[in-house]
Amino acid sequence: MATTIVGPTITVDGSFKSEEDVSVQGKVRGSIETTADLIVEEGGTIEAEVSTRSIDVHGTIIGNVTASDRFQIHPGGSVSGDVRAPRVVLEDGGKYKGHIEMTNI
């Protein structure tokens, strides 16, 4: 499957929709919706409402996240916002502030 890459020098303001995997190395503000997977790379920042299949956070998210499969924060990653996902993983060294609702979506 193809991957959309938001490079480290790119800033996206507004709604972002994709049917393929998305890798955020830069900054996205507004909303992100993908039916595939989302990776927030180290140094990547999302200030948005997020809807995805699964998400791996190595960077920063400020906003609410809905994942239909899995939500995971890796060491060095941080999330501030509410999360809805059936599977949630917070690794040692990851930071989280908000509410978690673990439900089958």
C-alpha atoms as a PDB file:
ATOM      1  CA  MET A   1       0.000   0.000   0.000  1.00  0.00           C
ATOM      2  CA  ALA A   2       1.170   3.529  -0.768  1.00  0.00           C
ATOM      3  CA  THR A   3       2.046   6.028   1.944  1.00  0.00           C
ATOM      4  CA  THR A   4       1.333   9.766   1.992  1.00  0.00           C
ATOM      5  CA  ILE A   5       4.227  11.599   3.642  1.00  0.00           C
ATOM      6  CA  VAL A   6       3.880  15.039   5.187  1.00  0.00           C
ATOM      7  CA  GLY A   7       7.566  15.974   5.153  1.00  0.00           C
ATOM      8  CA  PRO A   8       9.435  17.744   7.968  1.00  0.00           C
ATOM      9  CA  THR A   9       9.230  21.176   6.280  1.00  0.00           C
ATOM     10  CA  ILE A  10       5.502  20.878   5.423  1.00  0.00           C
ATOM     11  CA  THR A  11       2.609  22.442   7.363  1.00  0.00           C
ATOM     12  CA  VAL A  12      -0.949  21.428   6.436  1.00  0.00           C
ATOM     13  CA  ASP A  13      -3.808  23.667   7.634  1.00  0.00           C
ATOM     14  CA  GLY A  14      -7.346  22.315   7.178  1.00  0.00           C
ATOM     15  CA  SER A  15      -8.956  18.939   6.517  1.00  0.00           C
ATOM     16  CA  PHE A  16      -6.753  16.072   5.370  1.00  0.00           C
ATOM     17  CA  LYS A  17      -8.343  12.856   4.033  1.00  0.00           C
ATOM     18  CA  SER A  18      -6.600   9.743   2.739  1.00  0.00           C
ATOM     19  CA  GLU A  19      -7.310   6.106   1.912  1.00  0.00           C
ATOM     20  CA  GLU A  20      -3.655   5.142   2.285  1.00  0.00           C
ATOM     21  CA  ASP A  21      -1.167   5.109   5.157  1.00  0.00           C
ATOM     22  CA  VAL A  22      -0.081   8.560   6.332  1.00  0.00           C
ATOM     23  CA  SER A  23       3.292   9.488   7.849  1.00  0.00           C
ATOM     24  CA  VAL A  24       3.470  12.908   9.527  1.00  0.00           C
ATOM     25  CA  GLN A  25       6.983  14.287   9.879  1.00  0.00           C
ATOM     26  CA  GLY A  26       5.917  17.946   9.729  1.00  0.00           C
ATOM     27  CA  LYS A  27       2.828  19.657  11.136  1.00  0.00           C
ATOM     28  CA  VAL A  28      -0.904  19.150  10.524  1.00  0.00           C
ATOM     29  CA  ARG A  29      -3.573  21.479  11.977  1.00  0.00           C
ATOM     30  CA  GLY A  30      -7.316  20.936  11.516  1.00  0.00           C
ATOM     31  CA  SER A  31      -8.495  17.353  10.962  1.00  0.00           C
ATOM     32  CA  ILE A  32      -7.071  14.081   9.625  1.00  0.00           C
ATOM     33  CA  GLU A  33      -9.162  11.177   8.406  1.00  0.00           C
ATOM     34  CA  THR A  34      -7.677   7.990   6.965  1.00  0.00           C
ATOM     35  CA  THR A  35      -9.093   4.502   6.530  1.00  0.00           C
ATOM     36  CA  ALA A  36      -5.533   3.138   6.783  1.00  0.00           C
ATOM     37  CA  ASP A  37      -2.747   3.660   9.360  1.00  0.00           C
ATOM     38  CA  LEU A  38      -1.279   6.894  10.698  1.00  0.00           C
ATOM     39  CA  ILE A  39       2.274   7.332  11.981  1.00  0.00           C
ATOM     40  CA  VAL A  40       3.332  10.498  13.775  1.00  0.00           C
ATOM     41  CA  GLU A  41       7.087  10.435  13.387  1.00  0.00           C
ATOM     42  CA  GLU A  42       9.548  11.856  15.914  1.00  0.00           C
ATOM     43  CA  GLY A  43       9.443  15.637  15.353  1.00  0.00           C
ATOM     44  CA  GLY A  44       5.973  15.421  13.759  1.00  0.00           C
ATOM     45  CA  THR A  45       3.111  17.399  15.298  1.00  0.00           C
ATOM     46  CA  ILE A  46      -0.627  17.068  14.859  1.00  0.00           C
ATOM     47  CA  GLU A  47      -2.990  19.704  16.257  1.00  0.00           C
ATOM     48  CA  ALA A  48      -6.174  18.145  14.935  1.00  0.00           C
ATOM     49  CA  GLU A  49      -9.100  15.808  15.357  1.00  0.00           C
ATOM     50  CA  VAL A  50      -7.916  12.395  14.094  1.00  0.00           C
ATOM     51  CA  SER A  51      -9.870   9.424  12.732  1.00  0.00           C
ATOM     52  CA  THR A  52      -7.858   6.397  11.587  1.00  0.00           C
ATOM     53  CA  ARG A  53      -7.610   2.605  11.622  1.00  0.00           C
ATOM     54  CA  SER A  54      -4.497   2.483  13.794  1.00  0.00           C
ATOM     55  CA  ILE A  55      -2.037   5.094  14.981  1.00  0.00           C
ATOM     56  CA  ASP A  56       1.566   5.015  16.180  1.00  0.00           C
ATOM     57  CA  VAL A  57       2.717   8.150  17.987  1.00  0.00           C
ATOM     58  CA  HIS A  58       6.438   8.925  18.161  1.00  0.00           C
ATOM     59  CA  GLY A  59       5.873  12.717  17.984  1.00  0.00           C
ATOM     60  CA  THR A  60       3.118  14.956  19.396  1.00  0.00           C
ATOM     61  CA  ILE A  61      -0.669  15.038  19.092  1.00  0.00           C
ATOM     62  CA  ILE A  62      -2.898  17.743  20.549  1.00  0.00           C
ATOM     63  CA  GLY A  63      -6.498  16.773  19.847  1.00  0.00           C
ATOM     64  CA  ASN A  64      -8.947  13.905  20.066  1.00  0.00           C
ATOM     65  CA  VAL A  65      -8.195  10.580  18.378  1.00  0.00           C
ATOM     66  CA  THR A  66     -10.568   7.847  17.206  1.00  0.00           C
ATOM     67  CA  ALA A  67      -8.922   4.614  16.044  1.00  0.00           C
ATOM     68  CA  SER A  68     -10.975   1.654  14.810  1.00  0.00           C
ATOM     69  CA  ASP A  69      -8.184  -0.854  15.608  1.00  0.00           C
ATOM     70  CA  ARG A  70      -5.222   0.324  17.749  1.00  0.00           C
ATOM     71  CA  PHE A  71      -3.783   3.432  19.412  1.00  0.00           C
ATOM     72  CA  GLN A  72      -0.132   3.317  20.531  1.00  0.00           C
ATOM     73  CA  ILE A  73       2.203   5.871  22.092  1.00  0.00           C
ATOM     74  CA  HIS A  74       5.896   4.996  21.792  1.00  0.00           C
ATOM     75  CA  PRO A  75       8.765   6.264  24.011  1.00  0.00           C
ATOM     76  CA  GLY A  76       9.161  10.010  23.416  1.00  0.00           C
ATOM     77  CA  GLY A  77       5.630  10.354  22.006  1.00  0.00           C
ATOM     78  CA  SER A  78       3.024  12.549  23.678  1.00  0.00           C
ATOM     79  CA  VAL A  79      -0.737  12.941  23.308  1.00  0.00           C
ATOM     80  CA  SER A  80      -3.047  15.498  24.899  1.00  0.00           C
ATOM     81  CA  GLY A  81      -6.690  14.739  24.108  1.00  0.00           C
ATOM     82  CA  ASP A  82      -9.372  12.099  24.397  1.00  0.00           C
ATOM     83  CA  VAL A  83      -8.908   8.677  22.767  1.00  0.00           C
ATOM     84  CA  ARG A  84     -11.461   6.116  21.534  1.00  0.00           C
ATOM     85  CA  ALA A  85     -10.004   2.761  20.440  1.00  0.00           C
ATOM     86  CA  PRO A  86     -10.545  -0.945  21.153  1.00  0.00           C
ATOM     87  CA  ARG A  87      -6.816  -1.474  21.841  1.00  0.00           C
ATOM     88  CA  VAL A  88      -4.592   1.078  23.610  1.00  0.00           C
ATOM     89  CA  VAL A  89      -0.843   0.734  24.223  1.00  0.00           C
ATOM     90  CA  LEU A  90       1.206   3.243  26.225  1.00  0.00           C
ATOM     91  CA  GLU A  91       4.879   2.310  26.218  1.00  0.00           C
ATOM     92  CA  ASP A  92       7.293   3.326  28.974  1.00  0.00           C
ATOM     93  CA  GLY A  93       8.492   6.843  28.155  1.00  0.00           C
ATOM     94  CA  GLY A  94       5.292   7.842  26.338  1.00  0.00           C
ATOM     95  CA  LYS A  95       3.171  10.693  27.740  1.00  0.00           C
ATOM     96  CA  TYR A  96      -0.614  10.965  27.779  1.00  0.00           C
ATOM     97  CA  LYS A  97      -3.140  13.462  29.168  1.00  0.00           C
ATOM     98  CA  GLY A  98      -6.856  12.953  28.586  1.00  0.00           C
ATOM     99  CA  HIS A  99      -9.604  10.334  28.762  1.00  0.00           C
ATOM    100  CA  ILE A 100      -9.535   6.874  27.163  1.00  0.00           C
ATOM    101  CA  GLU A 101     -12.634   5.016  26.026  1.00  0.00           C
ATOM    102  CA  MET A 102     -11.827   1.439  25.031  1.00  0.00           C
ATOM    103  CA  THR A 103     -14.705   0.264  22.923  1.00  0.00           C
ATOM    104  CA  ASN A 104     -15.287  -1.611  19.701  1.00  0.00           C
ATOM    105  CA  ILE A 105     -16.070   1.114  17.188  1.00  0.00           C
END
